[in-house]
C-alpha atoms as a PDB file:
ATOM      1  CA  MET A   1       7.179  12.043 -34.704  1.00  0.00           C
ATOM      2  CA  LYS A   2       5.719  15.612 -33.500  1.00  0.00           C
ATOM      3  CA  ILE A   3       5.463  15.948 -29.975  1.00  0.00           C
ATOM      4  CA  ARG A   4       3.114  18.801 -28.876  1.00  0.00           C
ATOM      5  CA  VAL A   5       3.877  20.188 -24.846  1.00  0.00           C
ATOM      6  CA  LEU A   6       0.583  20.590 -23.797  1.00  0.00           C
ATOM      7  CA  GLY A   7       2.021  20.856 -20.025  1.00  0.00           C
ATOM      8  CA  ALA A   8       5.698  20.491 -18.157  1.00  0.00           C
ATOM      9  CA  SER A   9       5.095  21.277 -15.037  1.00  0.00           C
ATOM     10  CA  GLY A  10       5.519  19.243 -12.105  1.00  0.00           C
ATOM     11  CA  SER A  11       3.181  21.247  -9.941  1.00  0.00           C
ATOM     12  CA  LYS A  12       0.083  23.747 -10.673  1.00  0.00           C
ATOM     13  CA  LEU A  13       0.464  27.758 -10.381  1.00  0.00           C
ATOM     14  CA  PRO A  14      -1.154  29.891 -12.582  1.00  0.00           C
ATOM     15  CA  GLY A  15       0.276  29.982 -16.397  1.00  0.00           C
ATOM     16  CA  LEU A  16       1.990  26.344 -15.638  1.00  0.00           C
ATOM     17  CA  HIS A  17       0.491  23.229 -16.536  1.00  0.00           C
ATOM     18  CA  LEU A  18       0.473  20.177 -15.623  1.00  0.00           C
ATOM     19  CA  THR A  19       2.737  16.961 -17.303  1.00  0.00           C
ATOM     20  CA  SER A  20       1.217  15.863 -20.677  1.00  0.00           C
ATOM     21  CA  PHE A  21       2.411  15.573 -24.311  1.00  0.00           C
ATOM     22  CA  LEU A  22       0.292  14.815 -27.695  1.00  0.00           C
ATOM     23  CA  LEU A  23       2.204  12.692 -30.073  1.00  0.00           C
ATOM     24  CA  ASP A  24       1.116  13.233 -34.213  1.00  0.00           C
ATOM     25  CA  ARG A  25      -2.452  14.699 -32.698  1.00  0.00           C
ATOM     26  CA  SER A  26      -4.054  11.483 -31.364  1.00  0.00           C
ATOM     27  CA  ILE A  27      -1.764   9.813 -28.908  1.00  0.00           C
ATOM     28  CA  LEU A  28      -1.598  11.333 -25.246  1.00  0.00           C
ATOM     29  CA  ILE A  29       1.535  10.515 -23.071  1.00  0.00           C
ATOM     30  CA  ASP A  30       0.127  11.505 -19.812  1.00  0.00           C
ATOM     31  CA  THR A  31      -2.591  13.662 -19.286  1.00  0.00           C
ATOM     32  CA  GLY A  32      -2.303  16.310 -16.851  1.00  0.00           C
ATOM     33  CA  ALA A  33      -3.335  19.228 -18.889  1.00  0.00           C
ATOM     34  CA  ALA A  34      -4.956  17.423 -21.502  1.00  0.00           C
ATOM     35  CA  ALA A  35      -8.564  18.386 -20.925  1.00  0.00           C
ATOM     36  CA  SER A  36      -7.405  21.916 -20.229  1.00  0.00           C
ATOM     37  CA  MET A  37      -4.899  22.642 -23.021  1.00  0.00           C
ATOM     38  CA  MET A  38      -7.009  20.613 -25.711  1.00  0.00           C
ATOM     39  CA  ASP A  39     -10.348  21.559 -27.197  1.00  0.00           C
ATOM     40  CA  PHE A  40     -13.190  19.366 -27.625  1.00  0.00           C
ATOM     41  CA  GLU A  41     -12.379  18.700 -31.346  1.00  0.00           C
ATOM     42  CA  GLU A  42      -8.679  17.822 -30.442  1.00  0.00           C
ATOM     43  CA  GLN A  43      -9.721  15.650 -27.553  1.00  0.00           C
ATOM     44  CA  LYS A  44     -12.062  13.481 -29.916  1.00  0.00           C
ATOM     45  CA  ARG A  45      -9.318  12.967 -31.949  1.00  0.00           C
ATOM     46  CA  VAL A  46      -7.349  11.029 -29.254  1.00  0.00           C
ATOM     47  CA  GLN A  47      -6.890   7.260 -29.723  1.00  0.00           C
ATOM     48  CA  ALA A  48      -4.724   6.388 -27.049  1.00  0.00           C
ATOM     49  CA  VAL A  49      -3.006   7.147 -24.133  1.00  0.00           C
ATOM     50  CA  LEU A  50       0.480   6.161 -22.549  1.00  0.00           C
ATOM     51  CA  LEU A  51      -0.089   6.491 -19.172  1.00  0.00           C
ATOM     52  CA  SER A  52       3.133   6.051 -17.024  1.00  0.00           C
ATOM     53  CA  HIS A  53       1.748   6.463 -13.632  1.00  0.00           C
ATOM     54  CA  ILE A  54      -1.470   6.961 -11.742  1.00  0.00           C
ATOM     55  CA  HIS A  55      -0.353  10.218  -9.354  1.00  0.00           C
ATOM     56  CA  ILE A  56      -2.972  12.824 -10.467  1.00  0.00           C
ATOM     57  CA  ASP A  57      -0.436  15.094 -11.955  1.00  0.00           C
ATOM     58  CA  HIS A  58      -0.376  12.861 -14.509  1.00  0.00           C
ATOM     59  CA  SER A  59      -3.631  11.106 -14.892  1.00  0.00           C
ATOM     60  CA  LEU A  60      -6.271  14.141 -14.191  1.00  0.00           C
ATOM     61  CA  GLY A  61      -7.080  14.670 -17.674  1.00  0.00           C
ATOM     62  CA  LEU A  62      -8.170  11.015 -17.872  1.00  0.00           C
ATOM     63  CA  LEU A  63     -11.009  11.747 -15.587  1.00  0.00           C
ATOM     64  CA  LEU A  64     -11.894  15.090 -17.178  1.00  0.00           C
ATOM     65  CA  MET A  65     -11.761  14.172 -20.759  1.00  0.00           C
ATOM     66  CA  ALA A  66     -14.034  11.340 -19.915  1.00  0.00           C
ATOM     67  CA  ASP A  67     -16.659  13.556 -18.865  1.00  0.00           C
ATOM     68  CA  ASN A  68     -16.446  15.582 -21.992  1.00  0.00           C
ATOM     69  CA  LEU A  69     -16.446  12.608 -24.422  1.00  0.00           C
ATOM     70  CA  VAL A  70     -18.930  10.136 -22.964  1.00  0.00           C
ATOM     71  CA  GLY A  71     -21.287   9.462 -25.669  1.00  0.00           C
ATOM     72  CA  CYS A  72     -19.502  11.357 -27.949  1.00  0.00           C
ATOM     73  CA  LEU A  73     -16.893   8.821 -29.431  1.00  0.00           C
ATOM     74  CA  LYS A  74     -17.190   6.318 -32.428  1.00  0.00           C
ATOM     75  CA  ARG A  75     -14.686   4.010 -30.847  1.00  0.00           C
ATOM     76  CA  SER A  76     -13.127   3.768 -27.478  1.00  0.00           C
ATOM     77  CA  ILE A  77      -9.811   5.530 -26.421  1.00  0.00           C
ATOM     78  CA  GLN A  78      -7.454   2.837 -25.692  1.00  0.00           C
ATOM     79  CA  ILE A  79      -5.006   3.269 -22.491  1.00  0.00           C
ATOM     80  CA  LEU A  80      -1.849   1.426 -22.340  1.00  0.00           C
ATOM     81  CA  SER A  81       0.362   0.952 -19.302  1.00  0.00           C
ATOM     82  CA  VAL A  82       1.757  -2.063 -17.572  1.00  0.00           C
ATOM     83  CA  PRO A  83      -0.948  -3.963 -15.481  1.00  0.00           C
ATOM     84  CA  GLU A  84       0.006  -2.483 -12.138  1.00  0.00           C
ATOM     85  CA  VAL A  85      -0.516   0.664 -13.497  1.00  0.00           C
ATOM     86  CA  LEU A  86      -3.932  -0.290 -15.211  1.00  0.00           C
ATOM     87  CA  ASP A  87      -5.060  -2.172 -11.850  1.00  0.00           C
ATOM     88  CA  GLY A  88      -4.128   1.241  -9.414  1.00  0.00           C
ATOM     89  CA  LEU A  89      -6.205   3.140 -12.256  1.00  0.00           C
ATOM     90  CA  ARG A  90      -8.904   0.521 -11.665  1.00  0.00           C
ATOM     91  CA  GLN A  91      -9.047   0.671  -8.212  1.00  0.00           C
ATOM     92  CA  HIS A  92      -7.661   4.021  -7.019  1.00  0.00           C
ATOM     93  CA  LEU A  93      -9.703   6.594  -9.870  1.00  0.00           C
ATOM     94  CA  PHE A  94     -12.408   4.898 -11.670  1.00  0.00           C
ATOM     95  CA  ASN A  95     -13.411   2.842  -8.652  1.00  0.00           C
ATOM     96  CA  ASN A  96     -17.373   4.945  -8.804  1.00  0.00           C
ATOM     97  CA  GLN A  97     -16.358   6.896  -5.648  1.00  0.00           C
ATOM     98  CA  VAL A  98     -13.717   9.266  -6.407  1.00  0.00           C
ATOM     99  CA  TRP A  99     -14.881   9.208 -10.082  1.00  0.00           C
ATOM    100  CA  PRO A 100     -16.994   7.027 -12.242  1.00  0.00           C
ATOM    101  CA  ASP A 101     -16.026   4.079 -14.057  1.00  0.00           C
ATOM    102  CA  PHE A 102     -15.635   5.411 -17.603  1.00  0.00           C
ATOM    103  CA  THR A 103     -14.067   1.693 -18.491  1.00  0.00           C
ATOM    104  CA  SER A 104     -17.667   0.540 -18.566  1.00  0.00           C
ATOM    105  CA  ILE A 105     -19.722   3.911 -19.175  1.00  0.00           C
ATOM    106  CA  PRO A 106     -21.844   4.129 -20.956  1.00  0.00           C
ATOM    107  CA  ASN A 107     -21.671   0.287 -21.224  1.00  0.00           C
ATOM    108  CA  ASN A 108     -18.804  -2.230 -22.098  1.00  0.00           C
ATOM    109  CA  LYS A 109     -19.000  -2.275 -25.461  1.00  0.00           C
ATOM    110  CA  ALA A 110     -19.137   1.608 -26.128  1.00  0.00           C
ATOM    111  CA  ALA A 111     -16.884   2.501 -23.175  1.00  0.00           C
ATOM    112  CA  VAL A 112     -14.874   5.741 -23.451  1.00  0.00           C
ATOM    113  CA  PHE A 113     -11.666   4.003 -22.036  1.00  0.00           C
ATOM    114  CA  LYS A 114     -10.386   0.421 -23.032  1.00  0.00           C
ATOM    115  CA  LEU A 115      -7.895  -0.813 -20.792  1.00  0.00           C
ATOM    116  CA  ARG A 116      -4.840  -2.319 -22.673  1.00  0.00           C
ATOM    117  CA  PRO A 117      -1.845  -4.093 -20.642  1.00  0.00           C
ATOM    118  CA  LEU A 118       1.868  -3.993 -21.911  1.00  0.00           C
ATOM    119  CA  SER A 119       4.337  -6.386 -20.858  1.00  0.00           C
ATOM    120  CA  ASN A 120       7.571  -4.864 -19.197  1.00  0.00           C
ATOM    121  CA  GLY A 121       9.969  -4.155 -21.854  1.00  0.00           C
ATOM    122  CA  ARG A 122       8.099  -6.168 -24.622  1.00  0.00           C
ATOM    123  CA  PRO A 123       6.908  -3.985 -28.087  1.00  0.00           C
ATOM    124  CA  ALA A 124       3.369  -3.384 -28.542  1.00  0.00           C
ATOM    125  CA  LYS A 125       2.241  -2.200 -32.099  1.00  0.00           C
ATOM    126  CA  LEU A 126      -0.006   0.492 -32.025  1.00  0.00           C
ATOM    127  CA  ASP A 127      -1.246   1.762 -35.390  1.00  0.00           C
ATOM    128  CA  LYS A 128       2.454   2.849 -36.772  1.00  0.00           C
ATOM    129  CA  TYR A 129       4.105   2.777 -33.649  1.00  0.00           C
ATOM    130  CA  ARG A 130       5.875   0.595 -31.769  1.00  0.00           C
ATOM    131  CA  ILE A 131       5.471   1.032 -27.979  1.00  0.00           C
ATOM    132  CA  ARG A 132       8.063  -0.190 -25.296  1.00  0.00           C
ATOM    133  CA  ALA A 133       7.013   0.005 -21.470  1.00  0.00           C
ATOM    134  CA  VAL A 134      10.229   0.099 -19.320  1.00  0.00           C
ATOM    135  CA  PRO A 135       9.956   0.359 -15.705  1.00  0.00           C
ATOM    136  CA  VAL A 136      11.729   3.305 -13.679  1.00  0.00           C
ATOM    137  CA  SER A 137      12.356   3.978 -10.159  1.00  0.00           C
ATOM    138  CA  HIS A 138       9.452   6.077  -8.997  1.00  0.00           C
ATOM    139  CA  SER A 139       7.607   5.871  -5.497  1.00  0.00           C
ATOM    140  CA  VAL A 140       4.511   3.839  -7.002  1.00  0.00           C
ATOM    141  CA  PRO A 141       4.332   1.615 -10.056  1.00  0.00           C
ATOM    142  CA  THR A 142       5.759   3.858 -12.588  1.00  0.00           C
ATOM    143  CA  VAL A 143       7.184   2.988 -16.575  1.00  0.00           C
ATOM    144  CA  GLY A 144       8.798   5.210 -18.979  1.00  0.00           C
ATOM    145  CA  PHE A 145       8.194   4.476 -22.644  1.00  0.00           C
ATOM    146  CA  ILE A 146      10.348   3.984 -25.929  1.00  0.00           C
ATOM    147  CA  VAL A 147       8.263   4.884 -28.882  1.00  0.00           C
ATOM    148  CA  SER A 148       9.491   4.419 -32.520  1.00  0.00           C
ATOM    149  CA  ASP A 149       7.924   4.356 -35.856  1.00  0.00           C
ATOM    150  CA  ASP A 150       9.920   3.641 -39.188  1.00  0.00           C
ATOM    151  CA  ARG A 151      12.094   6.447 -39.145  1.00  0.00           C
ATOM    152  CA  SER A 152      12.938   7.332 -35.418  1.00  0.00           C
ATOM    153  CA  SER A 153      12.417   6.571 -31.670  1.00  0.00           C
ATOM    154  CA  PHE A 154      12.062   8.809 -28.747  1.00  0.00           C
ATOM    155  CA  VAL A 155      12.514   8.013 -24.870  1.00  0.00           C
ATOM    156  CA  TYR A 156       9.730   9.215 -22.174  1.00  0.00           C
ATOM    157  CA  THR A 157      10.995   8.779 -18.586  1.00  0.00           C
ATOM    158  CA  GLY A 158       8.126   9.383 -16.647  1.00  0.00           C
ATOM    159  CA  ASP A 159       8.663  10.155 -13.220  1.00  0.00           C
ATOM    160  CA  THR A 160      11.988   8.991 -11.816  1.00  0.00           C
ATOM    161  CA  ARG A 161      14.853   8.911  -9.645  1.00  0.00           C
ATOM    162  CA  ALA A 162      18.373   7.646 -11.189  1.00  0.00           C
ATOM    163  CA  THR A 163      17.283   4.626 -12.772  1.00  0.00           C
ATOM    164  CA  GLU A 164      19.111   1.613 -14.938  1.00  0.00           C
ATOM    165  CA  ARG A 165      16.776  -0.206 -17.579  1.00  0.00           C
ATOM    166  CA  ILE A 166      15.478   2.654 -19.393  1.00  0.00           C
ATOM    167  CA  TRP A 167      18.707   3.826 -20.664  1.00  0.00           C
ATOM    168  CA  GLN A 168      19.906   0.239 -21.370  1.00  0.00           C
ATOM    169  CA  GLU A 169      16.800  -0.654 -23.977  1.00  0.00           C
ATOM    170  CA  ALA A 170      17.381   3.067 -25.136  1.00  0.00           C
ATOM    171  CA  ARG A 171      21.238   2.643 -26.602  1.00  0.00           C
ATOM    172  CA  HIS A 172      19.452  -0.318 -28.440  1.00  0.00           C
ATOM    173  CA  ALA A 173      16.310   1.980 -30.075  1.00  0.00           C
ATOM    174  CA  LYS A 174      16.479   2.613 -33.906  1.00  0.00           C
ATOM    175  CA  ASN A 175      17.684   5.976 -34.695  1.00  0.00           C
ATOM    176  CA  LEU A 176      16.594   7.808 -31.279  1.00  0.00           C
ATOM    177  CA  LYS A 177      16.202  11.542 -31.714  1.00  0.00           C
ATOM    178  CA  GLY A 178      15.777  12.624 -28.220  1.00  0.00           C
ATOM    179  CA  VAL A 179      14.507  11.863 -24.446  1.00  0.00           C
ATOM    180  CA  LEU A 180      12.063  13.633 -22.800  1.00  0.00           C
ATOM    181  CA  ILE A 181      13.323  13.566 -18.730  1.00  0.00           C
ATOM    182  CA  GLU A 182      11.970  14.309 -15.675  1.00  0.00           C
ATOM    183  CA  THR A 183      13.588  16.784 -12.822  1.00  0.00           C
ATOM    184  CA  SER A 184      11.760  17.989 -10.286  1.00  0.00           C
ATOM    185  CA  PHE A 185      13.717  19.575  -7.227  1.00  0.00           C
ATOM    186  CA  PRO A 186      16.533  21.709  -7.120  1.00  0.00           C
ATOM    187  CA  ASN A 187      19.810  20.229  -5.874  1.00  0.00           C
ATOM    188  CA  ARG A 188      19.634  21.585  -2.357  1.00  0.00           C
ATOM    189  CA  MET A 189      16.519  19.577  -1.946  1.00  0.00           C
ATOM    190  CA  GLN A 190      18.145  16.190  -3.235  1.00  0.00           C
ATOM    191  CA  GLN A 191      17.140  14.210  -0.203  1.00  0.00           C
ATOM    192  CA  LEU A 192      13.524  14.820  -0.868  1.00  0.00           C
ATOM    193  CA  ALA A 193      13.943  14.111  -4.466  1.00  0.00           C
ATOM    194  CA  ASP A 194      15.523  10.625  -3.737  1.00  0.00           C
ATOM    195  CA  LEU A 195      12.771  10.062  -1.009  1.00  0.00           C
ATOM    196  CA  SER A 196       9.904  10.919  -3.344  1.00  0.00           C
ATOM    197  CA  GLY A 197      11.267   9.231  -6.694  1.00  0.00           C
ATOM    198  CA  HIS A 198      12.444  12.014  -8.597  1.00  0.00           C
ATOM    199  CA  MET A 199      15.249  14.103 -10.006  1.00  0.00           C
ATOM    200  CA  THR A 200      17.212  17.295  -9.494  1.00  0.00           C
ATOM    201  CA  PRO A 201      19.737  18.752 -12.138  1.00  0.00           C
ATOM    202  CA  ASN A 202      22.507  16.732 -10.103  1.00  0.00           C
ATOM    203  CA  THR A 203      20.757  13.702 -10.852  1.00  0.00           C
ATOM    204  CA  LEU A 204      20.186  14.691 -14.353  1.00  0.00           C
ATOM    205  CA  ALA A 205      23.803  15.094 -15.215  1.00  0.00           C
ATOM    206  CA  ALA A 206      24.537  11.735 -13.854  1.00  0.00           C
ATOM    207  CA  GLU A 207      22.035  10.026 -15.787  1.00  0.00           C
ATOM    208  CA  ILE A 208      22.836  11.830 -18.895  1.00  0.00           C
ATOM    209  CA  ALA A 209      26.523  10.670 -18.689  1.00  0.00           C
ATOM    210  CA  LYS A 210      25.299   7.252 -17.075  1.00  0.00           C
ATOM    211  CA  SER A 211      22.870   6.862 -20.417  1.00  0.00           C
ATOM    212  CA  GLY A 212      25.989   7.328 -23.297  1.00  0.00           C
ATOM    213  CA  LEU A 213      22.955   8.832 -25.606  1.00  0.00           C
ATOM    214  CA  LYS A 214      24.192  11.809 -27.636  1.00  0.00           C
ATOM    215  CA  VAL A 215      20.529  13.023 -28.242  1.00  0.00           C
ATOM    216  CA  PRO A 216      18.847  16.017 -26.708  1.00  0.00           C
ATOM    217  CA  PHE A 217      17.265  15.694 -23.164  1.00  0.00           C
ATOM    218  CA  TYR A 218      14.208  17.786 -22.746  1.00  0.00           C
ATOM    219  CA  VAL A 219      13.548  18.566 -18.992  1.00  0.00           C
ATOM    220  CA  PHE A 220       9.878  18.377 -17.797  1.00  0.00           C
ATOM    221  CA  HIS A 221       8.141  18.258 -14.466  1.00  0.00           C
ATOM    222  CA  VAL A 222      10.188  20.999 -12.418  1.00  0.00           C
ATOM    223  CA  LYS A 223       8.006  21.690  -9.363  1.00  0.00           C
ATOM    224  CA  ALA A 224       6.762  25.604  -9.942  1.00  0.00           C
ATOM    225  CA  MET A 225       7.893  26.884  -7.111  1.00  0.00           C
ATOM    226  CA  HIS A 226      11.265  25.947  -7.879  1.00  0.00           C
ATOM    227  CA  LEU A 227      11.226  26.524 -11.295  1.00  0.00           C
ATOM    228  CA  GLU A 228      13.927  29.707 -11.359  1.00  0.00           C
ATOM    229  CA  GLU A 229      16.206  27.874  -9.316  1.00  0.00           C
ATOM    230  CA  VAL A 230      16.426  24.829 -11.382  1.00  0.00           C
ATOM    231  CA  GLN A 231      16.593  26.714 -14.548  1.00  0.00           C
ATOM    232  CA  ARG A 232      19.685  28.423 -12.946  1.00  0.00           C
ATOM    233  CA  GLU A 233      21.570  25.380 -11.862  1.00  0.00           C
ATOM    234  CA  ILE A 234      20.769  23.710 -15.479  1.00  0.00           C
ATOM    235  CA  ALA A 235      22.176  26.626 -16.981  1.00  0.00           C
ATOM    236  CA  ALA A 236      25.185  26.208 -14.784  1.00  0.00           C
ATOM    237  CA  MET A 237      25.985  23.084 -16.026  1.00  0.00           C
ATOM    238  CA  LYS A 238      26.522  24.324 -19.578  1.00  0.00           C
ATOM    239  CA  ASN A 239      25.670  21.130 -21.072  1.00  0.00           C
ATOM    240  CA  PRO A 240      24.134  21.558 -24.756  1.00  0.00           C
ATOM    241  CA  GLN A 241      22.307  18.272 -24.747  1.00  0.00           C
ATOM    242  CA  ILE A 242      20.015  19.503 -22.157  1.00  0.00           C
ATOM    243  CA  ARG A 243      16.832  21.878 -22.960  1.00  0.00           C
ATOM    244  CA  LEU A 244      14.012  22.750 -21.131  1.00  0.00           C
ATOM    245  CA  ALA A 245      10.771  21.677 -22.388  1.00  0.00           C
ATOM    246  CA  VAL A 246       8.526  24.352 -23.591  1.00  0.00           C
ATOM    247  CA  GLU A 247       5.069  24.641 -22.756  1.00  0.00           C
ATOM    248  CA  GLY A 248       2.955  25.232 -26.417  1.00  0.00           C
ATOM    249  CA  ALA A 249       6.392  23.822 -28.187  1.00  0.00           C
ATOM    250  CA  THR A 250       6.163  21.117 -30.842  1.00  0.00           C
ATOM    251  CA  TYR A 251       9.466  19.180 -31.415  1.00  0.00           C
ATOM    252  CA  THR A 252      10.129  16.920 -34.032  1.00  0.00           C
ATOM    253  CA  PHE A 253      11.842  13.120 -33.425  1.00  0.00           C
END
């Protein structure tokens, strides 16, 4: 499986792009930078979106891509998440006030998006992939994902503070190759990180130790204004498992 980093930032400044990853050219994992980092033909190839939660830095691409793709698709794009996230998407974003309801435009049969609920922790089939949504600890209903095919698996945490279940599930994943993990704030802002449901480098180190996983951990979602400070703190840990997710890079899992 190949993961292209469309955006790895937790906030927006020039040259930094909001969280979004593209799996094998056809599946988006969150969508912050999707509309701005993919051309029209690339957007038309998307078949499904794994949505961790509805915060705008993860869902913005859904709104903007819908505007681009309406009337141009041969089939609807599936949005996969747990019911709490999909309900929030309907209620707060595709509500015909903040944005048109592209789950029913141009009509129910040919809508840009179809919502597909997942059960917490239970695997679902998506083409050649097995998708498992696992609750994590954020400020709104949020899931991470464990994605597998016949050869390997990877973990995507979504936004979370210290959490438990996703590591329990990950230890049973077949041929796990890596983890995409959020870290948002420097250590001096630990209180804010805990309050808002995010990690610091100290939290990151504790979660890696807790997980027991011996694979690379690719860090994303660092807040743009704290990027250099967080990078210094991560470098000071000298942990060879920790790598910064680089925007524009492609990783093979």
